Amino acid sequence: GPDVLVVTLSVAGAILLLGLVAILLWKLLITIHDHREFAKFEEEKARAKWEAVRLTSRLYGANPTTSC
């Protein structure tokens, strides 16, 4: 029959390979999610900045279309 050592090492190698693939897939998904969250954060930060500029312009009576 098949050698017990060969079967054991084959099974162990397959398990390790599947674990490595799972970790890499998880890392890829987390990286994609983080990039999306960071882009959303940057967009909100820029929107908040321009909202602050608009409020400041209104506070001091300047026309925001000509104060740039």
N, C-alpha and C. Protein backbone atom coordinates (compact mmCIF):
# COMPACT_ATOMS: atom_id res chain seq x y z
N GLY A 1 0.82 -1.20 0.00
CA GLY A 1 0.00 0.00 0.00
C GLY A 1 0.85 1.25 0.00
N PRO A 2 0.21 2.35 0.01
CA PRO A 2 0.96 3.62 -0.01
C PRO A 2 1.74 3.81 1.29
N ASP A 3 2.83 4.45 1.16
CA ASP A 3 3.68 4.70 2.32
C ASP A 3 2.99 5.68 3.26
N VAL A 4 2.96 5.36 4.54
CA VAL A 4 2.27 6.19 5.54
C VAL A 4 2.92 7.58 5.61
N LEU A 5 4.23 7.64 5.50
CA LEU A 5 4.93 8.93 5.58
C LEU A 5 4.53 9.84 4.42
N VAL A 6 4.42 9.27 3.23
CA VAL A 6 4.04 10.08 2.06
C VAL A 6 2.62 10.63 2.22
N VAL A 7 1.71 9.78 2.68
CA VAL A 7 0.32 10.22 2.88
C VAL A 7 0.27 11.30 3.96
N THR A 8 0.97 11.08 5.06
CA THR A 8 0.96 12.04 6.17
C THR A 8 1.52 13.40 5.72
N LEU A 9 2.67 13.38 5.04
CA LEU A 9 3.26 14.63 4.57
C LEU A 9 2.39 15.31 3.52
N SER A 10 1.74 14.54 2.68
CA SER A 10 0.85 15.11 1.66
C SER A 10 -0.34 15.82 2.31
N VAL A 11 -0.93 15.18 3.30
CA VAL A 11 -2.07 15.77 4.00
C VAL A 11 -1.62 17.03 4.74
N ALA A 12 -0.49 16.95 5.43
CA ALA A 12 0.01 18.11 6.17
C ALA A 12 0.33 19.26 5.21
N GLY A 13 0.94 18.95 4.08
CA GLY A 13 1.25 19.99 3.10
C GLY A 13 0.00 20.62 2.53
N ALA A 14 -1.01 19.81 2.27
CA ALA A 14 -2.27 20.35 1.74
C ALA A 14 -2.93 21.28 2.76
N ILE A 15 -2.91 20.88 4.02
CA ILE A 15 -3.50 21.71 5.07
C ILE A 15 -2.74 23.04 5.19
N LEU A 16 -1.42 22.96 5.18
CA LEU A 16 -0.62 24.19 5.25
C LEU A 16 -0.87 25.09 4.05
N LEU A 17 -0.97 24.51 2.87
CA LEU A 17 -1.22 25.28 1.65
C LEU A 17 -2.58 25.96 1.72
N LEU A 18 -3.60 25.22 2.15
CA LEU A 18 -4.94 25.81 2.27
C LEU A 18 -4.95 26.93 3.31
N GLY A 19 -4.23 26.75 4.40
CA GLY A 19 -4.14 27.81 5.42
C GLY A 19 -3.47 29.05 4.88
N LEU A 20 -2.39 28.85 4.13
CA LEU A 20 -1.68 29.99 3.54
C LEU A 20 -2.56 30.74 2.54
N VAL A 21 -3.28 30.00 1.71
CA VAL A 21 -4.20 30.61 0.75
C VAL A 21 -5.29 31.39 1.48
N ALA A 22 -5.81 30.82 2.55
CA ALA A 22 -6.86 31.49 3.32
C ALA A 22 -6.33 32.79 3.93
N ILE A 23 -5.13 32.77 4.47
CA ILE A 23 -4.53 33.97 5.07
C ILE A 23 -4.31 35.04 4.00
N LEU A 24 -3.79 34.64 2.85
CA LEU A 24 -3.55 35.61 1.78
C LEU A 24 -4.86 36.21 1.27
N LEU A 25 -5.88 35.38 1.15
CA LEU A 25 -7.19 35.88 0.71
C LEU A 25 -7.76 36.85 1.73
N TRP A 26 -7.66 36.52 3.01
CA TRP A 26 -8.13 37.40 4.07
C TRP A 26 -7.38 38.74 4.02
N LYS A 27 -6.06 38.69 3.84
CA LYS A 27 -5.25 39.91 3.77
C LYS A 27 -5.69 40.76 2.58
N LEU A 28 -5.95 40.14 1.44
CA LEU A 28 -6.40 40.87 0.26
C LEU A 28 -7.74 41.56 0.52
N LEU A 29 -8.68 40.83 1.12
CA LEU A 29 -9.99 41.42 1.41
C LEU A 29 -9.87 42.58 2.39
N ILE A 30 -9.07 42.43 3.42
CA ILE A 30 -8.88 43.50 4.41
C ILE A 30 -8.24 44.72 3.75
N THR A 31 -7.25 44.50 2.87
CA THR A 31 -6.59 45.61 2.19
C THR A 31 -7.56 46.37 1.31
N ILE A 32 -8.39 45.66 0.55
CA ILE A 32 -9.39 46.31 -0.29
C ILE A 32 -10.36 47.11 0.57
N HIS A 33 -10.82 46.52 1.65
CA HIS A 33 -11.75 47.22 2.55
C HIS A 33 -11.11 48.47 3.13
N ASP A 34 -9.86 48.37 3.56
CA ASP A 34 -9.16 49.52 4.14
C ASP A 34 -8.99 50.64 3.12
N HIS A 35 -8.67 50.29 1.87
CA HIS A 35 -8.52 51.32 0.83
C HIS A 35 -9.84 52.05 0.60
N ARG A 36 -10.94 51.30 0.60
CA ARG A 36 -12.26 51.93 0.41
C ARG A 36 -12.59 52.85 1.59
N GLU A 37 -12.34 52.38 2.80
CA GLU A 37 -12.63 53.19 3.97
C GLU A 37 -11.77 54.45 3.99
N PHE A 38 -10.50 54.33 3.61
CA PHE A 38 -9.61 55.49 3.60
C PHE A 38 -10.06 56.50 2.55
N ALA A 39 -10.49 56.02 1.38
CA ALA A 39 -10.98 56.93 0.34
C ALA A 39 -12.23 57.66 0.83
N LYS A 40 -13.12 56.94 1.52
CA LYS A 40 -14.32 57.58 2.06
C LYS A 40 -13.93 58.63 3.10
N PHE A 41 -12.96 58.30 3.94
CA PHE A 41 -12.48 59.24 4.95
C PHE A 41 -11.91 60.50 4.31
N GLU A 42 -11.07 60.32 3.28
CA GLU A 42 -10.49 61.48 2.60
C GLU A 42 -11.57 62.36 1.98
N GLU A 43 -12.58 61.73 1.39
CA GLU A 43 -13.67 62.48 0.78
C GLU A 43 -14.43 63.28 1.84
N GLU A 44 -14.71 62.65 2.98
CA GLU A 44 -15.42 63.34 4.05
C GLU A 44 -14.56 64.47 4.63
N LYS A 45 -13.26 64.24 4.73
CA LYS A 45 -12.36 65.27 5.24
C LYS A 45 -12.35 66.48 4.32
N ALA A 46 -12.27 66.24 3.01
CA ALA A 46 -12.29 67.34 2.05
C ALA A 46 -13.63 68.07 2.11
N ARG A 47 -14.72 67.33 2.21
CA ARG A 47 -16.04 67.95 2.29
C ARG A 47 -16.15 68.80 3.54
N ALA A 48 -15.63 68.30 4.67
CA ALA A 48 -15.68 69.06 5.92
C ALA A 48 -14.84 70.33 5.81
N LYS A 49 -13.71 70.26 5.12
CA LYS A 49 -12.86 71.44 4.95
C LYS A 49 -13.60 72.51 4.17
N TRP A 50 -14.21 72.13 3.07
CA TRP A 50 -14.91 73.13 2.26
C TRP A 50 -16.16 73.63 2.96
N GLU A 51 -16.78 72.79 3.78
CA GLU A 51 -17.92 73.24 4.59
C GLU A 51 -17.45 74.31 5.58
N ALA A 52 -16.28 74.09 6.18
CA ALA A 52 -15.72 75.07 7.12
C ALA A 52 -15.39 76.37 6.39
N VAL A 53 -14.83 76.27 5.18
CA VAL A 53 -14.52 77.48 4.40
C VAL A 53 -15.80 78.23 4.09
N ARG A 54 -16.86 77.51 3.71
CA ARG A 54 -18.12 78.16 3.38
C ARG A 54 -18.72 78.85 4.60
N LEU A 55 -18.68 78.18 5.74
CA LEU A 55 -19.21 78.79 6.96
C LEU A 55 -18.40 79.99 7.38
N THR A 56 -17.08 79.92 7.26
CA THR A 56 -16.22 81.04 7.61
C THR A 56 -16.48 82.23 6.69
N SER A 57 -16.65 81.95 5.41
CA SER A 57 -16.93 83.02 4.46
C SER A 57 -18.26 83.69 4.79
N ARG A 58 -19.25 82.87 5.14
CA ARG A 58 -20.55 83.44 5.49
C ARG A 58 -20.44 84.24 6.79
N LEU A 59 -19.64 83.75 7.72
CA LEU A 59 -19.49 84.42 9.01
C LEU A 59 -18.88 85.81 8.84
N TYR A 60 -17.90 85.94 7.95
CA TYR A 60 -17.23 87.21 7.76
C TYR A 60 -17.81 88.02 6.62
N GLY A 61 -18.91 87.55 6.02
CA GLY A 61 -19.60 88.33 5.02
C GLY A 61 -18.96 88.32 3.65
N ALA A 62 -17.99 87.46 3.41
CA ALA A 62 -17.35 87.41 2.10
C ALA A 62 -18.18 86.54 1.17
N ASN A 63 -18.12 86.83 -0.10
CA ASN A 63 -18.79 86.00 -1.10
C ASN A 63 -17.90 84.82 -1.40
N PRO A 64 -18.33 83.60 -1.11
CA PRO A 64 -17.44 82.45 -1.32
C PRO A 64 -17.06 82.22 -2.77
N THR A 65 -17.83 82.75 -3.72
CA THR A 65 -17.47 82.53 -5.11
C THR A 65 -16.36 83.47 -5.56
N THR A 66 -16.17 84.59 -4.86
CA THR A 66 -15.13 85.53 -5.26
C THR A 66 -13.99 85.59 -4.27
N SER A 67 -14.09 84.89 -3.15
CA SER A 67 -13.04 84.99 -2.13
C SER A 67 -11.88 84.03 -2.39
N CYS A 68 -11.98 83.18 -3.41
CA CYS A 68 -10.91 82.23 -3.70
C CYS A 68 -9.83 82.91 -4.36
